[in-house]
Amino acid sequence: MSSEWIDAREALRMGLVWRVCEPAALLPEARRHAEILAARPLSSLMAVKHTIVEPTRPEIAAASARENAHFAELMGAQANAAALADFSKRRS
């Protein structure tokens, strides 16, 4: 929520990524992994994705509803109006 950038090692430590490589190796490594996935039957990839995603759908929908409710509530608030006015001034 802080919008701070994290480096690759920190992303790995946090579990956001499963592997880290040197920048020059990134594209070849991504292509290699894409080729591995592309070689598998589509039906098995779809089944795995469904197995991983399906249990989280209700939580994602609930989180999205909460986010939308907060957004709607805050959209007309005084702080939001002031921020939009400041933004408009800077763009003029």
PDB file of N, CA and C in Angstrom:
ATOM      1  N   MET A   1       0.805  -1.194   0.000  1.00  0.00           N
ATOM      2  CA  MET A   1       0.000   0.000   0.000  1.00  0.00           C
ATOM      3  C   MET A   1       0.852   1.264   0.000  1.00  0.00           C
ATOM      4  N   SER A   2       2.119   1.140   0.289  1.00  0.00           N
ATOM      5  CA  SER A   2       2.969   2.324   0.368  1.00  0.00           C
ATOM      6  C   SER A   2       3.466   2.777  -0.996  1.00  0.00           C
ATOM      7  N   SER A   3       3.258   1.984  -2.009  1.00  0.00           N
ATOM      8  CA  SER A   3       3.721   2.276  -3.368  1.00  0.00           C
ATOM      9  C   SER A   3       5.235   2.312  -3.481  1.00  0.00           C
ATOM     10  N   GLU A   4       5.923   1.757  -2.499  1.00  0.00           N
ATOM     11  CA  GLU A   4       7.379   1.704  -2.578  1.00  0.00           C
ATOM     12  C   GLU A   4       7.789   0.568  -3.507  1.00  0.00           C
ATOM     13  N   TRP A   5       8.849   0.818  -4.279  1.00  0.00           N
ATOM     14  CA  TRP A   5       9.380  -0.209  -5.163  1.00  0.00           C
ATOM     15  C   TRP A   5      10.135  -1.236  -4.329  1.00  0.00           C
ATOM     16  N   ILE A   6      10.054  -2.475  -4.756  1.00  0.00           N
ATOM     17  CA  ILE A   6      10.849  -3.518  -4.113  1.00  0.00           C
ATOM     18  C   ILE A   6      11.733  -4.145  -5.178  1.00  0.00           C
ATOM     19  N   ASP A   7      12.906  -4.583  -4.771  1.00  0.00           N
ATOM     20  CA  ASP A   7      13.799  -5.193  -5.750  1.00  0.00           C
ATOM     21  C   ASP A   7      13.475  -6.680  -5.898  1.00  0.00           C
ATOM     22  N   ALA A   8      14.148  -7.314  -6.831  1.00  0.00           N
ATOM     23  CA  ALA A   8      13.869  -8.710  -7.161  1.00  0.00           C
ATOM     24  C   ALA A   8      14.089  -9.635  -5.972  1.00  0.00           C
ATOM     25  N   ARG A   9      15.149  -9.419  -5.231  1.00  0.00           N
ATOM     26  CA  ARG A   9      15.431 -10.289  -4.075  1.00  0.00           C
ATOM     27  C   ARG A   9      14.336 -10.174  -3.015  1.00  0.00           C
ATOM     28  N   GLU A  10      13.864  -8.954  -2.803  1.00  0.00           N
ATOM     29  CA  GLU A  10      12.792  -8.753  -1.821  1.00  0.00           C
ATOM     30  C   GLU A  10      11.496  -9.393  -2.316  1.00  0.00           C
ATOM     31  N   ALA A  11      11.216  -9.282  -3.617  1.00  0.00           N
ATOM     32  CA  ALA A  11      10.030  -9.926  -4.185  1.00  0.00           C
ATOM     33  C   ALA A  11      10.103 -11.436  -4.005  1.00  0.00           C
ATOM     34  N   LEU A  12      11.285 -11.992  -4.163  1.00  0.00           N
ATOM     35  CA  LEU A  12      11.481 -13.428  -3.956  1.00  0.00           C
ATOM     36  C   LEU A  12      11.239 -13.780  -2.492  1.00  0.00           C
ATOM     37  N   ARG A  13      11.810 -12.995  -1.597  1.00  0.00           N
ATOM     38  CA  ARG A  13      11.646 -13.242  -0.167  1.00  0.00           C
ATOM     39  C   ARG A  13      10.174 -13.176   0.243  1.00  0.00           C
ATOM     40  N   MET A  14       9.429 -12.260  -0.372  1.00  0.00           N
ATOM     41  CA  MET A  14       8.020 -12.075  -0.046  1.00  0.00           C
ATOM     42  C   MET A  14       7.123 -13.125  -0.696  1.00  0.00           C
ATOM     43  N   GLY A  15       7.679 -13.912  -1.612  1.00  0.00           N
ATOM     44  CA  GLY A  15       6.881 -14.915  -2.299  1.00  0.00           C
ATOM     45  C   GLY A  15       6.096 -14.375  -3.479  1.00  0.00           C
ATOM     46  N   LEU A  16       6.443 -13.175  -3.938  1.00  0.00           N
ATOM     47  CA  LEU A  16       5.751 -12.590  -5.083  1.00  0.00           C
ATOM     48  C   LEU A  16       6.242 -13.162  -6.403  1.00  0.00           C
ATOM     49  N   VAL A  17       7.455 -13.668  -6.408  1.00  0.00           N
ATOM     50  CA  VAL A  17       8.031 -14.314  -7.587  1.00  0.00           C
ATOM     51  C   VAL A  17       8.617 -15.648  -7.153  1.00  0.00           C
ATOM     52  N   TRP A  18       8.782 -16.556  -8.098  1.00  0.00           N
ATOM     53  CA  TRP A  18       9.326 -17.870  -7.738  1.00  0.00           C
ATOM     54  C   TRP A  18      10.785 -18.021  -8.132  1.00  0.00           C
ATOM     55  N   ARG A  19      11.287 -17.045  -8.901  1.00  0.00           N
ATOM     56  CA  ARG A  19      12.669 -17.139  -9.354  1.00  0.00           C
ATOM     57  C   ARG A  19      13.185 -15.751  -9.718  1.00  0.00           C
ATOM     58  N   VAL A  20      14.489 -15.550  -9.542  1.00  0.00           N
ATOM     59  CA  VAL A  20      15.136 -14.290  -9.902  1.00  0.00           C
ATOM     60  C   VAL A  20      16.300 -14.613 -10.824  1.00  0.00           C
ATOM     61  N   CYS A  21      16.468 -13.804 -11.864  1.00  0.00           N
ATOM     62  CA  CYS A  21      17.607 -13.991 -12.764  1.00  0.00           C
ATOM     63  C   CYS A  21      18.199 -12.621 -13.101  1.00  0.00           C
ATOM     64  N   GLU A  22      19.332 -12.641 -13.733  1.00  0.00           N
ATOM     65  CA  GLU A  22      19.982 -11.400 -14.151  1.00  0.00           C
ATOM     66  C   GLU A  22      19.129 -10.729 -15.233  1.00  0.00           C
ATOM     67  N   PRO A  23      19.128  -9.392 -15.298  1.00  0.00           N
ATOM     68  CA  PRO A  23      18.308  -8.701 -16.294  1.00  0.00           C
ATOM     69  C   PRO A  23      18.535  -9.183 -17.726  1.00  0.00           C
ATOM     70  N   ALA A  24      19.769  -9.432 -18.096  1.00  0.00           N
ATOM     71  CA  ALA A  24      20.059  -9.876 -19.467  1.00  0.00           C
ATOM     72  C   ALA A  24      19.484 -11.257 -19.755  1.00  0.00           C
ATOM     73  N   ALA A  25      19.262 -12.047 -18.715  1.00  0.00           N
ATOM     74  CA  ALA A  25      18.746 -13.402 -18.888  1.00  0.00           C
ATOM     75  C   ALA A  25      17.224 -13.460 -18.803  1.00  0.00           C
ATOM     76  N   LEU A  26      16.579 -12.341 -18.472  1.00  0.00           N
ATOM     77  CA  LEU A  26      15.142 -12.361 -18.227  1.00  0.00           C
ATOM     78  C   LEU A  26      14.325 -12.806 -19.439  1.00  0.00           C
ATOM     79  N   LEU A  27      14.515 -12.170 -20.584  1.00  0.00           N
ATOM     80  CA  LEU A  27      13.721 -12.525 -21.759  1.00  0.00           C
ATOM     81  C   LEU A  27      13.984 -13.955 -22.214  1.00  0.00           C
ATOM     82  N   PRO A  28      15.240 -14.387 -22.341  1.00  0.00           N
ATOM     83  CA  PRO A  28      15.459 -15.785 -22.717  1.00  0.00           C
ATOM     84  C   PRO A  28      14.849 -16.767 -21.708  1.00  0.00           C
ATOM     85  N   GLU A  29      14.941 -16.453 -20.430  1.00  0.00           N
ATOM     86  CA  GLU A  29      14.374 -17.333 -19.402  1.00  0.00           C
ATOM     87  C   GLU A  29      12.850 -17.358 -19.483  1.00  0.00           C
ATOM     88  N   ALA A  30      12.242 -16.202 -19.708  1.00  0.00           N
ATOM     89  CA  ALA A  30      10.786 -16.147 -19.848  1.00  0.00           C
ATOM     90  C   ALA A  30      10.332 -16.932 -21.075  1.00  0.00           C
ATOM     91  N   ARG A  31      11.060 -16.801 -22.176  1.00  0.00           N
ATOM     92  CA  ARG A  31      10.712 -17.561 -23.385  1.00  0.00           C
ATOM     93  C   ARG A  31      10.885 -19.057 -23.172  1.00  0.00           C
ATOM     94  N   ARG A  32      11.949 -19.435 -22.469  1.00  0.00           N
ATOM     95  CA  ARG A  32      12.175 -20.858 -22.197  1.00  0.00           C
ATOM     96  C   ARG A  32      11.009 -21.422 -21.389  1.00  0.00           C
ATOM     97  N   HIS A  33      10.601 -20.689 -20.388  1.00  0.00           N
ATOM     98  CA  HIS A  33       9.493 -21.163 -19.561  1.00  0.00           C
ATOM     99  C   HIS A  33       8.185 -21.174 -20.362  1.00  0.00           C
ATOM    100  N   ALA A  34       7.974 -20.171 -21.210  1.00  0.00           N
ATOM    101  CA  ALA A  34       6.775 -20.137 -22.052  1.00  0.00           C
ATOM    102  C   ALA A  34       6.734 -21.332 -22.995  1.00  0.00           C
ATOM    103  N   GLU A  35       7.882 -21.723 -23.521  1.00  0.00           N
ATOM    104  CA  GLU A  35       7.938 -22.893 -24.405  1.00  0.00           C
ATOM    105  C   GLU A  35       7.582 -24.170 -23.651  1.00  0.00           C
ATOM    106  N   ILE A  36       8.032 -24.268 -22.409  1.00  0.00           N
ATOM    107  CA  ILE A  36       7.681 -25.436 -21.590  1.00  0.00           C
ATOM    108  C   ILE A  36       6.164 -25.501 -21.407  1.00  0.00           C
ATOM    109  N   LEU A  37       5.569 -24.372 -21.062  1.00  0.00           N
ATOM    110  CA  LEU A  37       4.117 -24.346 -20.866  1.00  0.00           C
ATOM    111  C   LEU A  37       3.366 -24.605 -22.169  1.00  0.00           C
ATOM    112  N   ALA A  38       3.849 -24.014 -23.268  1.00  0.00           N
ATOM    113  CA  ALA A  38       3.176 -24.176 -24.561  1.00  0.00           C
ATOM    114  C   ALA A  38       3.219 -25.615 -25.053  1.00  0.00           C
ATOM    115  N   ALA A  39       4.201 -26.380 -24.604  1.00  0.00           N
ATOM    116  CA  ALA A  39       4.323 -27.771 -25.039  1.00  0.00           C
ATOM    117  C   ALA A  39       3.319 -28.686 -24.336  1.00  0.00           C
ATOM    118  N   ARG A  40       2.710 -28.201 -23.283  1.00  0.00           N
ATOM    119  CA  ARG A  40       1.751 -29.021 -22.530  1.00  0.00           C
ATOM    120  C   ARG A  40       0.371 -28.912 -23.165  1.00  0.00           C
ATOM    121  N   PRO A  41      -0.439 -29.943 -22.974  1.00  0.00           N
ATOM    122  CA  PRO A  41      -1.798 -29.888 -23.528  1.00  0.00           C
ATOM    123  C   PRO A  41      -2.596 -28.726 -22.917  1.00  0.00           C
ATOM    124  N   LEU A  42      -3.327 -28.021 -23.751  1.00  0.00           N
ATOM    125  CA  LEU A  42      -4.111 -26.885 -23.290  1.00  0.00           C
ATOM    126  C   LEU A  42      -5.097 -27.293 -22.199  1.00  0.00           C
ATOM    127  N   SER A  43      -5.694 -28.457 -22.357  1.00  0.00           N
ATOM    128  CA  SER A  43      -6.683 -28.896 -21.366  1.00  0.00           C
ATOM    129  C   SER A  43      -6.061 -29.043 -19.981  1.00  0.00           C
ATOM    130  N   SER A  44      -4.813 -29.507 -19.911  1.00  0.00           N
ATOM    131  CA  SER A  44      -4.180 -29.651 -18.598  1.00  0.00           C
ATOM    132  C   SER A  44      -3.843 -28.286 -18.003  1.00  0.00           C
ATOM    133  N   LEU A  45      -3.410 -27.336 -18.838  1.00  0.00           N
ATOM    134  CA  LEU A  45      -3.140 -25.987 -18.344  1.00  0.00           C
ATOM    135  C   LEU A  45      -4.415 -25.332 -17.824  1.00  0.00           C
ATOM    136  N   MET A  46      -5.509 -25.524 -18.550  1.00  0.00           N
ATOM    137  CA  MET A  46      -6.789 -24.962 -18.123  1.00  0.00           C
ATOM    138  C   MET A  46      -7.245 -25.583 -16.807  1.00  0.00           C
ATOM    139  N   ALA A  47      -7.057 -26.885 -16.662  1.00  0.00           N
ATOM    140  CA  ALA A  47      -7.460 -27.561 -15.426  1.00  0.00           C
ATOM    141  C   ALA A  47      -6.639 -27.073 -14.238  1.00  0.00           C
ATOM    142  N   VAL A  48      -5.343 -26.912 -14.441  1.00  0.00           N
ATOM    143  CA  VAL A  48      -4.483 -26.423 -13.359  1.00  0.00           C
ATOM    144  C   VAL A  48      -4.881 -25.003 -12.973  1.00  0.00           C
ATOM    145  N   LYS A  49      -5.086 -24.149 -13.963  1.00  0.00           N
ATOM    146  CA  LYS A  49      -5.475 -22.765 -13.670  1.00  0.00           C
ATOM    147  C   LYS A  49      -6.799 -22.734 -12.917  1.00  0.00           C
ATOM    148  N   HIS A  50      -7.759 -23.521 -13.360  1.00  0.00           N
ATOM    149  CA  HIS A  50      -9.058 -23.584 -12.689  1.00  0.00           C
ATOM    150  C   HIS A  50      -8.890 -24.041 -11.239  1.00  0.00           C
ATOM    151  N   THR A  51      -8.059 -25.050 -11.028  1.00  0.00           N
ATOM    152  CA  THR A  51      -7.822 -25.576  -9.682  1.00  0.00           C
ATOM    153  C   THR A  51      -7.211 -24.517  -8.772  1.00  0.00           C
ATOM    154  N   ILE A  52      -6.328 -23.712  -9.319  1.00  0.00           N
ATOM    155  CA  ILE A  52      -5.658 -22.680  -8.526  1.00  0.00           C
ATOM    156  C   ILE A  52      -6.585 -21.486  -8.270  1.00  0.00           C
ATOM    157  N   VAL A  53      -7.308 -21.051  -9.292  1.00  0.00           N
ATOM    158  CA  VAL A  53      -8.079 -19.812  -9.211  1.00  0.00           C
ATOM    159  C   VAL A  53      -9.447 -19.991  -8.558  1.00  0.00           C
ATOM    160  N   GLU A  54     -10.127 -21.067  -8.850  1.00  0.00           N
ATOM    161  CA  GLU A  54     -11.522 -21.227  -8.423  1.00  0.00           C
ATOM    162  C   GLU A  54     -11.747 -21.035  -6.923  1.00  0.00           C
ATOM    163  N   PRO A  55     -10.906 -21.581  -6.049  1.00  0.00           N
ATOM    164  CA  PRO A  55     -11.156 -21.390  -4.608  1.00  0.00           C
ATOM    165  C   PRO A  55     -11.061 -19.932  -4.149  1.00  0.00           C
ATOM    166  N   THR A  56     -10.392 -19.097  -4.916  1.00  0.00           N
ATOM    167  CA  THR A  56     -10.221 -17.701  -4.491  1.00  0.00           C
ATOM    168  C   THR A  56     -11.259 -16.754  -5.090  1.00  0.00           C
ATOM    169  N   ARG A  57     -12.072 -17.238  -6.010  1.00  0.00           N
ATOM    170  CA  ARG A  57     -13.040 -16.353  -6.669  1.00  0.00           C
ATOM    171  C   ARG A  57     -13.966 -15.623  -5.686  1.00  0.00           C
ATOM    172  N   PRO A  58     -14.555 -16.301  -4.694  1.00  0.00           N
ATOM    173  CA  PRO A  58     -15.436 -15.572  -3.768  1.00  0.00           C
ATOM    174  C   PRO A  58     -14.701 -14.457  -3.009  1.00  0.00           C
ATOM    175  N   GLU A  59     -13.470 -14.726  -2.585  1.00  0.00           N
ATOM    176  CA  GLU A  59     -12.705 -13.708  -1.862  1.00  0.00           C
ATOM    177  C   GLU A  59     -12.362 -12.527  -2.767  1.00  0.00           C
ATOM    178  N   ILE A  60     -12.026 -12.824  -4.021  1.00  0.00           N
ATOM    179  CA  ILE A  60     -11.711 -11.754  -4.970  1.00  0.00           C
ATOM    180  C   ILE A  60     -12.952 -10.902  -5.231  1.00  0.00           C
ATOM    181  N   ALA A  61     -14.094 -11.553  -5.413  1.00  0.00           N
ATOM    182  CA  ALA A  61     -15.339 -10.814  -5.644  1.00  0.00           C
ATOM    183  C   ALA A  61     -15.691  -9.955  -4.432  1.00  0.00           C
ATOM    184  N   ALA A  62     -15.524 -10.491  -3.229  1.00  0.00           N
ATOM    185  CA  ALA A  62     -15.821  -9.731  -2.012  1.00  0.00           C
ATOM    186  C   ALA A  62     -14.873  -8.544  -1.869  1.00  0.00           C
ATOM    187  N   ALA A  63     -13.594  -8.763  -2.141  1.00  0.00           N
ATOM    188  CA  ALA A  63     -12.616  -7.673  -2.051  1.00  0.00           C
ATOM    189  C   ALA A  63     -12.929  -6.592  -3.079  1.00  0.00           C
ATOM    190  N   SER A  64     -13.318  -6.995  -4.269  1.00  0.00           N
ATOM    191  CA  SER A  64     -13.664  -6.035  -5.318  1.00  0.00           C
ATOM    192  C   SER A  64     -14.887  -5.215  -4.913  1.00  0.00           C
ATOM    193  N   ALA A  65     -15.874  -5.874  -4.313  1.00  0.00           N
ATOM    194  CA  ALA A  65     -17.069  -5.162  -3.853  1.00  0.00           C
ATOM    195  C   ALA A  65     -16.714  -4.154  -2.760  1.00  0.00           C
ATOM    196  N   ARG A  66     -15.846  -4.554  -1.823  1.00  0.00           N
ATOM    197  CA  ARG A  66     -15.413  -3.624  -0.767  1.00  0.00           C
ATOM    198  C   ARG A  66     -14.671  -2.429  -1.371  1.00  0.00           C
ATOM    199  N   GLU A  67     -13.781  -2.719  -2.314  1.00  0.00           N
ATOM    200  CA  GLU A  67     -13.023  -1.646  -2.959  1.00  0.00           C
ATOM    201  C   GLU A  67     -13.959  -0.677  -3.671  1.00  0.00           C
ATOM    202  N   ASN A  68     -14.920  -1.210  -4.415  1.00  0.00           N
ATOM    203  CA  ASN A  68     -15.867  -0.352  -5.133  1.00  0.00           C
ATOM    204  C   ASN A  68     -16.697   0.493  -4.174  1.00  0.00           C
ATOM    205  N   ALA A  69     -17.101  -0.095  -3.039  1.00  0.00           N
ATOM    206  CA  ALA A  69     -17.880   0.650  -2.047  1.00  0.00           C
ATOM    207  C   ALA A  69     -17.053   1.793  -1.463  1.00  0.00           C
ATOM    208  N   HIS A  70     -15.808   1.514  -1.119  1.00  0.00           N
ATOM    209  CA  HIS A  70     -14.931   2.566  -0.587  1.00  0.00           C
ATOM    210  C   HIS A  70     -14.687   3.646  -1.639  1.00  0.00           C
ATOM    211  N   PHE A  71     -14.475   3.231  -2.867  1.00  0.00           N
ATOM    212  CA  PHE A  71     -14.242   4.188  -3.952  1.00  0.00           C
ATOM    213  C   PHE A  71     -15.444   5.111  -4.108  1.00  0.00           C
ATOM    214  N   ALA A  72     -16.647   4.520  -4.127  1.00  0.00           N
ATOM    215  CA  ALA A  72     -17.864   5.321  -4.285  1.00  0.00           C
ATOM    216  C   ALA A  72     -18.027   6.291  -3.120  1.00  0.00           C
ATOM    217  N   GLU A  73     -17.706   5.830  -1.916  1.00  0.00           N
ATOM    218  CA  GLU A  73     -17.820   6.676  -0.726  1.00  0.00           C
ATOM    219  C   GLU A  73     -16.821   7.835  -0.763  1.00  0.00           C
ATOM    220  N   LEU A  74     -15.598   7.534  -1.167  1.00  0.00           N
ATOM    221  CA  LEU A  74     -14.544   8.545  -1.144  1.00  0.00           C
ATOM    222  C   LEU A  74     -14.593   9.499  -2.331  1.00  0.00           C
ATOM    223  N   MET A  75     -15.207   9.068  -3.415  1.00  0.00           N
ATOM    224  CA  MET A  75     -15.185   9.853  -4.642  1.00  0.00           C
ATOM    225  C   MET A  75     -15.745  11.256  -4.440  1.00  0.00           C
ATOM    226  N   GLY A  76     -16.785  11.388  -3.649  1.00  0.00           N
ATOM    227  CA  GLY A  76     -17.376  12.704  -3.449  1.00  0.00           C
ATOM    228  C   GLY A  76     -16.875  13.425  -2.214  1.00  0.00           C
ATOM    229  N   ALA A  77     -15.930  12.847  -1.518  1.00  0.00           N
ATOM    230  CA  ALA A  77     -15.444  13.439  -0.274  1.00  0.00           C
ATOM    231  C   ALA A  77     -14.642  14.708  -0.543  1.00  0.00           C
ATOM    232  N   GLN A  78     -14.553  15.549   0.476  1.00  0.00           N
ATOM    233  CA  GLN A  78     -13.862  16.833   0.353  1.00  0.00           C
ATOM    234  C   GLN A  78     -12.394  16.649  -0.032  1.00  0.00           C
ATOM    235  N   ALA A  79     -11.719  15.668   0.563  1.00  0.00           N
ATOM    236  CA  ALA A  79     -10.300  15.444   0.251  1.00  0.00           C
ATOM    237  C   ALA A  79     -10.120  15.087  -1.217  1.00  0.00           C
ATOM    238  N   ASN A  80     -11.052  14.304  -1.757  1.00  0.00           N
ATOM    239  CA  ASN A  80     -10.966  13.931  -3.167  1.00  0.00           C
ATOM    240  C   ASN A  80     -11.176  15.146  -4.059  1.00  0.00           C
ATOM    241  N   ALA A  81     -12.152  15.965  -3.718  1.00  0.00           N
ATOM    242  CA  ALA A  81     -12.418  17.172  -4.508  1.00  0.00           C
ATOM    243  C   ALA A  81     -11.207  18.100  -4.492  1.00  0.00           C
ATOM    244  N   ALA A  82     -10.575  18.239  -3.327  1.00  0.00           N
ATOM    245  CA  ALA A  82      -9.387  19.093  -3.223  1.00  0.00           C
ATOM    246  C   ALA A  82      -8.237  18.531  -4.052  1.00  0.00           C
ATOM    247  N   ALA A  83      -8.051  17.225  -4.002  1.00  0.00           N
ATOM    248  CA  ALA A  83      -6.974  16.599  -4.780  1.00  0.00           C
ATOM    249  C   ALA A  83      -7.209  16.786  -6.273  1.00  0.00           C
ATOM    250  N   LEU A  84      -8.451  16.628  -6.717  1.00  0.00           N
ATOM    251  CA  LEU A  84      -8.765  16.827  -8.137  1.00  0.00           C
ATOM    252  C   LEU A  84      -8.551  18.283  -8.547  1.00  0.00           C
ATOM    253  N   ALA A  85      -8.923  19.205  -7.674  1.00  0.00           N
ATOM    254  CA  ALA A  85      -8.713  20.625  -7.976  1.00  0.00           C
ATOM    255  C   ALA A  85      -7.223  20.938  -8.080  1.00  0.00           C
ATOM    256  N   ASP A  86      -6.428  20.411  -7.153  1.00  0.00           N
ATOM    257  CA  ASP A  86      -4.972  20.613  -7.204  1.00  0.00           C
ATOM    258  C   ASP A  86      -4.390  20.030  -8.485  1.00  0.00           C
ATOM    259  N   PHE A  87      -4.845  18.847  -8.852  1.00  0.00           N
ATOM    260  CA  PHE A  87      -4.364  18.198 -10.067  1.00  0.00           C
ATOM    261  C   PHE A  87      -4.697  19.054 -11.285  1.00  0.00           C
ATOM    262  N   SER A  88      -5.926  19.560 -11.336  1.00  0.00           N
ATOM    263  CA  SER A  88      -6.344  20.394 -12.471  1.00  0.00           C
ATOM    264  C   SER A  88      -5.504  21.658 -12.568  1.00  0.00           C
ATOM    265  N   LYS A  89      -5.200  22.271 -11.408  1.00  0.00           N
ATOM    266  CA  LYS A  89      -4.368  23.482 -11.396  1.00  0.00           C
ATOM    267  C   LYS A  89      -2.986  23.204 -11.963  1.00  0.00           C
ATOM    268  N   ARG A  90      -2.403  22.087 -11.567  1.00  0.00           N
ATOM    269  CA  ARG A  90      -1.049  21.744 -12.036  1.00  0.00           C
ATOM    270  C   ARG A  90      -1.033  21.459 -13.530  1.00  0.00           C
ATOM    271  N   ARG A  91      -2.110  20.955 -14.071  1.00  0.00           N
ATOM    272  CA  ARG A  91      -2.171  20.614 -15.495  1.00  0.00           C
ATOM    273  C   ARG A  91      -2.436  21.840 -16.356  1.00  0.00           C
ATOM    274  N   SER A  92      -2.923  22.908 -15.756  1.00  0.00           N
ATOM    275  CA  SER A  92      -3.272  24.121 -16.522  1.00  0.00           C
ATOM    276  C   SER A  92      -2.060  24.945 -16.835  1.00  0.00           C
TER     277      SER A  92
END
